[in-house]
Amino acid sequence: MIKFSYTILYVRDVTSTITFYEQAFGFERKFVTPDNDYAELVTGVTSLAFASVDLAKSNLSKGFIESSVDRQPFGMEIGFVTDDVENTVYNALKAGATLVEKPKTKPWGQTVAYVSDPDGFLIEICTAIA
């Protein structure tokens, strides 16, 4: 049996990134390495994790495309479901996120907004699909 266990985002500063996610979304730290080059948050069944760019470079001999707030986001996103999209977006912006798309209600009734984190990763903040 295979289960989806975690997603790892490669970031410049693991400590500041994990602090952002704690302040913006209220997540708690699950694990941080003594070198502060890898960390995980408690986010439910699947963990959200962060690895330093240097650690990622040591693992991937051919390199990777580094995320940046100065470029368009990757063609992927992480999604957080909440009952209060507007307040969650407000808290994320207060913690250092950048607004990408204001909250909009989709034809199927779901409210969806987009922000980017300080490393340029795209985050969808939405209500559950009924």
C-alpha atoms as a PDB file:
ATOM      1  CA  MET A   1       0.000   0.000   0.000  1.00  0.00           C
ATOM      2  CA  ILE A   2       1.207   3.511  -0.836  1.00  0.00           C
ATOM      3  CA  LYS A   3       0.057   6.657   0.931  1.00  0.00           C
ATOM      4  CA  PHE A   4       0.786  10.318   0.260  1.00  0.00           C
ATOM      5  CA  SER A   5       2.882  11.288   3.269  1.00  0.00           C
ATOM      6  CA  TYR A   6       4.357  14.743   2.674  1.00  0.00           C
ATOM      7  CA  THR A   7       5.203  17.558   0.293  1.00  0.00           C
ATOM      8  CA  ILE A   8       8.590  19.262   0.626  1.00  0.00           C
ATOM      9  CA  LEU A   9       9.165  22.833  -0.510  1.00  0.00           C
ATOM     10  CA  TYR A  10      12.774  23.924  -1.092  1.00  0.00           C
ATOM     11  CA  VAL A  11      13.289  27.262   0.655  1.00  0.00           C
ATOM     12  CA  ARG A  12      16.116  29.684   1.361  1.00  0.00           C
ATOM     13  CA  ASP A  13      15.582  29.823   5.142  1.00  0.00           C
ATOM     14  CA  VAL A  14      13.740  26.907   6.772  1.00  0.00           C
ATOM     15  CA  THR A  15      13.388  28.669  10.137  1.00  0.00           C
ATOM     16  CA  SER A  16      11.794  31.832   8.743  1.00  0.00           C
ATOM     17  CA  THR A  17       9.565  29.821   6.397  1.00  0.00           C
ATOM     18  CA  ILE A  18       8.237  27.575   9.139  1.00  0.00           C
ATOM     19  CA  THR A  19       7.625  30.655  11.303  1.00  0.00           C
ATOM     20  CA  PHE A  20       5.637  32.211   8.438  1.00  0.00           C
ATOM     21  CA  TYR A  21       3.371  29.144   8.146  1.00  0.00           C
ATOM     22  CA  GLU A  22       2.851  29.078  11.924  1.00  0.00           C
ATOM     23  CA  GLN A  23       1.884  32.763  12.017  1.00  0.00           C
ATOM     24  CA  ALA A  24      -0.115  32.807   8.785  1.00  0.00           C
ATOM     25  CA  PHE A  25      -2.092  29.588   9.216  1.00  0.00           C
ATOM     26  CA  GLY A  26      -1.680  28.463  12.829  1.00  0.00           C
ATOM     27  CA  PHE A  27       0.176  25.222  12.057  1.00  0.00           C
ATOM     28  CA  GLU A  28       2.498  23.689  14.681  1.00  0.00           C
ATOM     29  CA  ARG A  29       6.049  22.451  14.235  1.00  0.00           C
ATOM     30  CA  LYS A  30       6.299  18.683  14.067  1.00  0.00           C
ATOM     31  CA  PHE A  31      10.052  18.362  13.562  1.00  0.00           C
ATOM     32  CA  VAL A  32      13.093  20.581  12.893  1.00  0.00           C
ATOM     33  CA  THR A  33      16.600  19.224  12.323  1.00  0.00           C
ATOM     34  CA  PRO A  34      19.374  20.486  14.603  1.00  0.00           C
ATOM     35  CA  ASP A  35      20.950  22.216  11.565  1.00  0.00           C
ATOM     36  CA  ASN A  36      17.620  23.943  10.730  1.00  0.00           C
ATOM     37  CA  ASP A  37      17.840  22.631   7.171  1.00  0.00           C
ATOM     38  CA  TYR A  38      14.662  20.528   7.273  1.00  0.00           C
ATOM     39  CA  ALA A  39      11.357  20.909   9.090  1.00  0.00           C
ATOM     40  CA  GLU A  40       7.816  19.550   9.071  1.00  0.00           C
ATOM     41  CA  LEU A  41       4.519  21.059  10.161  1.00  0.00           C
ATOM     42  CA  VAL A  42       1.506  19.284  11.624  1.00  0.00           C
ATOM     43  CA  THR A  43      -1.145  19.910   8.964  1.00  0.00           C
ATOM     44  CA  GLY A  44      -3.394  16.869   9.231  1.00  0.00           C
ATOM     45  CA  VAL A  45      -2.797  13.464   7.649  1.00  0.00           C
ATOM     46  CA  THR A  46      -0.233  14.748   5.129  1.00  0.00           C
ATOM     47  CA  SER A  47       2.743  16.769   6.371  1.00  0.00           C
ATOM     48  CA  LEU A  48       3.978  19.981   4.818  1.00  0.00           C
ATOM     49  CA  ALA A  49       7.775  19.996   4.971  1.00  0.00           C
ATOM     50  CA  PHE A  50      10.574  22.383   4.087  1.00  0.00           C
ATOM     51  CA  ALA A  51      14.167  21.693   3.091  1.00  0.00           C
ATOM     52  CA  SER A  52      16.876  24.267   2.634  1.00  0.00           C
ATOM     53  CA  VAL A  53      17.987  25.020  -0.900  1.00  0.00           C
ATOM     54  CA  ASP A  54      21.484  23.839   0.087  1.00  0.00           C
ATOM     55  CA  LEU A  55      20.151  20.489   1.333  1.00  0.00           C
ATOM     56  CA  ALA A  56      18.089  20.086  -1.845  1.00  0.00           C
ATOM     57  CA  LYS A  57      21.156  20.815  -3.989  1.00  0.00           C
ATOM     58  CA  SER A  58      23.076  18.115  -2.120  1.00  0.00           C
ATOM     59  CA  ASN A  59      20.286  15.618  -2.910  1.00  0.00           C
ATOM     60  CA  LEU A  60      19.690  16.529  -6.560  1.00  0.00           C
ATOM     61  CA  SER A  61      22.861  16.321  -8.624  1.00  0.00           C
ATOM     62  CA  LYS A  62      21.249  17.910 -11.715  1.00  0.00           C
ATOM     63  CA  GLY A  63      19.713  20.798  -9.730  1.00  0.00           C
ATOM     64  CA  PHE A  64      16.185  22.199  -9.804  1.00  0.00           C
ATOM     65  CA  ILE A  65      14.297  25.412 -10.551  1.00  0.00           C
ATOM     66  CA  GLU A  66      14.288  27.546  -7.420  1.00  0.00           C
ATOM     67  CA  SER A  67      11.052  29.289  -6.487  1.00  0.00           C
ATOM     68  CA  SER A  68      11.135  33.082  -6.220  1.00  0.00           C
ATOM     69  CA  VAL A  69       8.701  35.897  -5.548  1.00  0.00           C
ATOM     70  CA  ASP A  70      10.303  37.698  -8.501  1.00  0.00           C
ATOM     71  CA  ARG A  71       8.975  35.140 -11.026  1.00  0.00           C
ATOM     72  CA  GLN A  72       5.608  33.638 -11.872  1.00  0.00           C
ATOM     73  CA  PRO A  73       4.682  30.744  -9.584  1.00  0.00           C
ATOM     74  CA  PHE A  74       5.263  27.149 -10.618  1.00  0.00           C
ATOM     75  CA  GLY A  75       2.383  25.323 -12.298  1.00  0.00           C
ATOM     76  CA  MET A  76       1.344  23.826  -8.961  1.00  0.00           C
ATOM     77  CA  GLU A  77      -0.096  24.951  -5.649  1.00  0.00           C
ATOM     78  CA  ILE A  78      -0.645  23.834  -2.102  1.00  0.00           C
ATOM     79  CA  GLY A  79      -4.211  24.171  -0.862  1.00  0.00           C
ATOM     80  CA  PHE A  80      -5.601  24.989   2.555  1.00  0.00           C
ATOM     81  CA  VAL A  81      -9.326  24.546   3.268  1.00  0.00           C
ATOM     82  CA  THR A  82     -10.986  26.896   5.746  1.00  0.00           C
ATOM     83  CA  ASP A  83     -14.453  28.124   6.661  1.00  0.00           C
ATOM     84  CA  ASP A  84     -13.222  31.743   6.580  1.00  0.00           C
ATOM     85  CA  VAL A  85     -11.246  32.496   3.418  1.00  0.00           C
ATOM     86  CA  GLU A  86     -11.196  36.275   3.900  1.00  0.00           C
ATOM     87  CA  ASN A  87      -9.785  36.121   7.436  1.00  0.00           C
ATOM     88  CA  THR A  88      -7.261  33.439   6.490  1.00  0.00           C
ATOM     89  CA  VAL A  89      -6.047  35.565   3.570  1.00  0.00           C
ATOM     90  CA  TYR A  90      -5.810  38.573   5.894  1.00  0.00           C
ATOM     91  CA  ASN A  91      -3.700  36.594   8.409  1.00  0.00           C
ATOM     92  CA  ALA A  92      -1.455  35.291   5.625  1.00  0.00           C
ATOM     93  CA  LEU A  93      -0.875  38.800   4.270  1.00  0.00           C
ATOM     94  CA  LYS A  94      -0.158  40.086   7.773  1.00  0.00           C
ATOM     95  CA  ALA A  95       2.448  37.312   8.193  1.00  0.00           C
ATOM     96  CA  GLY A  96       4.210  38.205   4.931  1.00  0.00           C
ATOM     97  CA  ALA A  97       2.317  36.567   2.058  1.00  0.00           C
ATOM     98  CA  THR A  98       1.621  38.391  -1.202  1.00  0.00           C
ATOM     99  CA  LEU A  99      -1.899  38.539  -2.614  1.00  0.00           C
ATOM    100  CA  VAL A 100      -2.142  36.843  -6.016  1.00  0.00           C
ATOM    101  CA  GLU A 101      -5.945  36.658  -6.448  1.00  0.00           C
ATOM    102  CA  LYS A 102      -8.657  38.092  -4.190  1.00  0.00           C
ATOM    103  CA  PRO A 103     -11.350  35.710  -2.895  1.00  0.00           C
ATOM    104  CA  LYS A 104     -13.896  34.772  -5.565  1.00  0.00           C
ATOM    105  CA  THR A 105     -16.924  32.530  -5.374  1.00  0.00           C
ATOM    106  CA  LYS A 106     -16.890  29.864  -8.070  1.00  0.00           C
ATOM    107  CA  PRO A 107     -20.084  28.767  -9.887  1.00  0.00           C
ATOM    108  CA  TRP A 108     -20.164  25.601  -7.723  1.00  0.00           C
ATOM    109  CA  GLY A 109     -20.241  27.702  -4.530  1.00  0.00           C
ATOM    110  CA  GLN A 110     -16.636  27.351  -3.380  1.00  0.00           C
ATOM    111  CA  THR A 111     -14.755  30.510  -2.345  1.00  0.00           C
ATOM    112  CA  VAL A 112     -11.149  30.544  -3.581  1.00  0.00           C
ATOM    113  CA  ALA A 113      -8.232  32.966  -3.135  1.00  0.00           C
ATOM    114  CA  TYR A 114      -4.531  32.765  -3.902  1.00  0.00           C
ATOM    115  CA  VAL A 115      -1.473  34.110  -2.103  1.00  0.00           C
ATOM    116  CA  SER A 116       2.210  33.400  -2.468  1.00  0.00           C
ATOM    117  CA  ASP A 117       4.436  32.685   0.489  1.00  0.00           C
ATOM    118  CA  PRO A 118       7.700  34.618   1.049  1.00  0.00           C
ATOM    119  CA  ASP A 119       9.544  32.038  -1.103  1.00  0.00           C
ATOM    120  CA  GLY A 120       7.130  32.455  -4.020  1.00  0.00           C
ATOM    121  CA  PHE A 121       5.152  29.232  -3.602  1.00  0.00           C
ATOM    122  CA  LEU A 122       1.495  29.509  -4.612  1.00  0.00           C
ATOM    123  CA  ILE A 123      -1.077  28.801  -1.893  1.00  0.00           C
ATOM    124  CA  GLU A 124      -4.784  28.330  -2.561  1.00  0.00           C
ATOM    125  CA  ILE A 125      -6.997  29.283   0.368  1.00  0.00           C
ATOM    126  CA  CYS A 126     -10.506  27.971  -0.112  1.00  0.00           C
ATOM    127  CA  THR A 127     -13.695  26.677   1.396  1.00  0.00           C
ATOM    128  CA  ALA A 128     -14.481  22.973   1.112  1.00  0.00           C
ATOM    129  CA  ILE A 129     -16.256  21.753  -1.979  1.00  0.00           C
ATOM    130  CA  ALA A 130     -19.762  20.857  -0.860  1.00  0.00           C
END
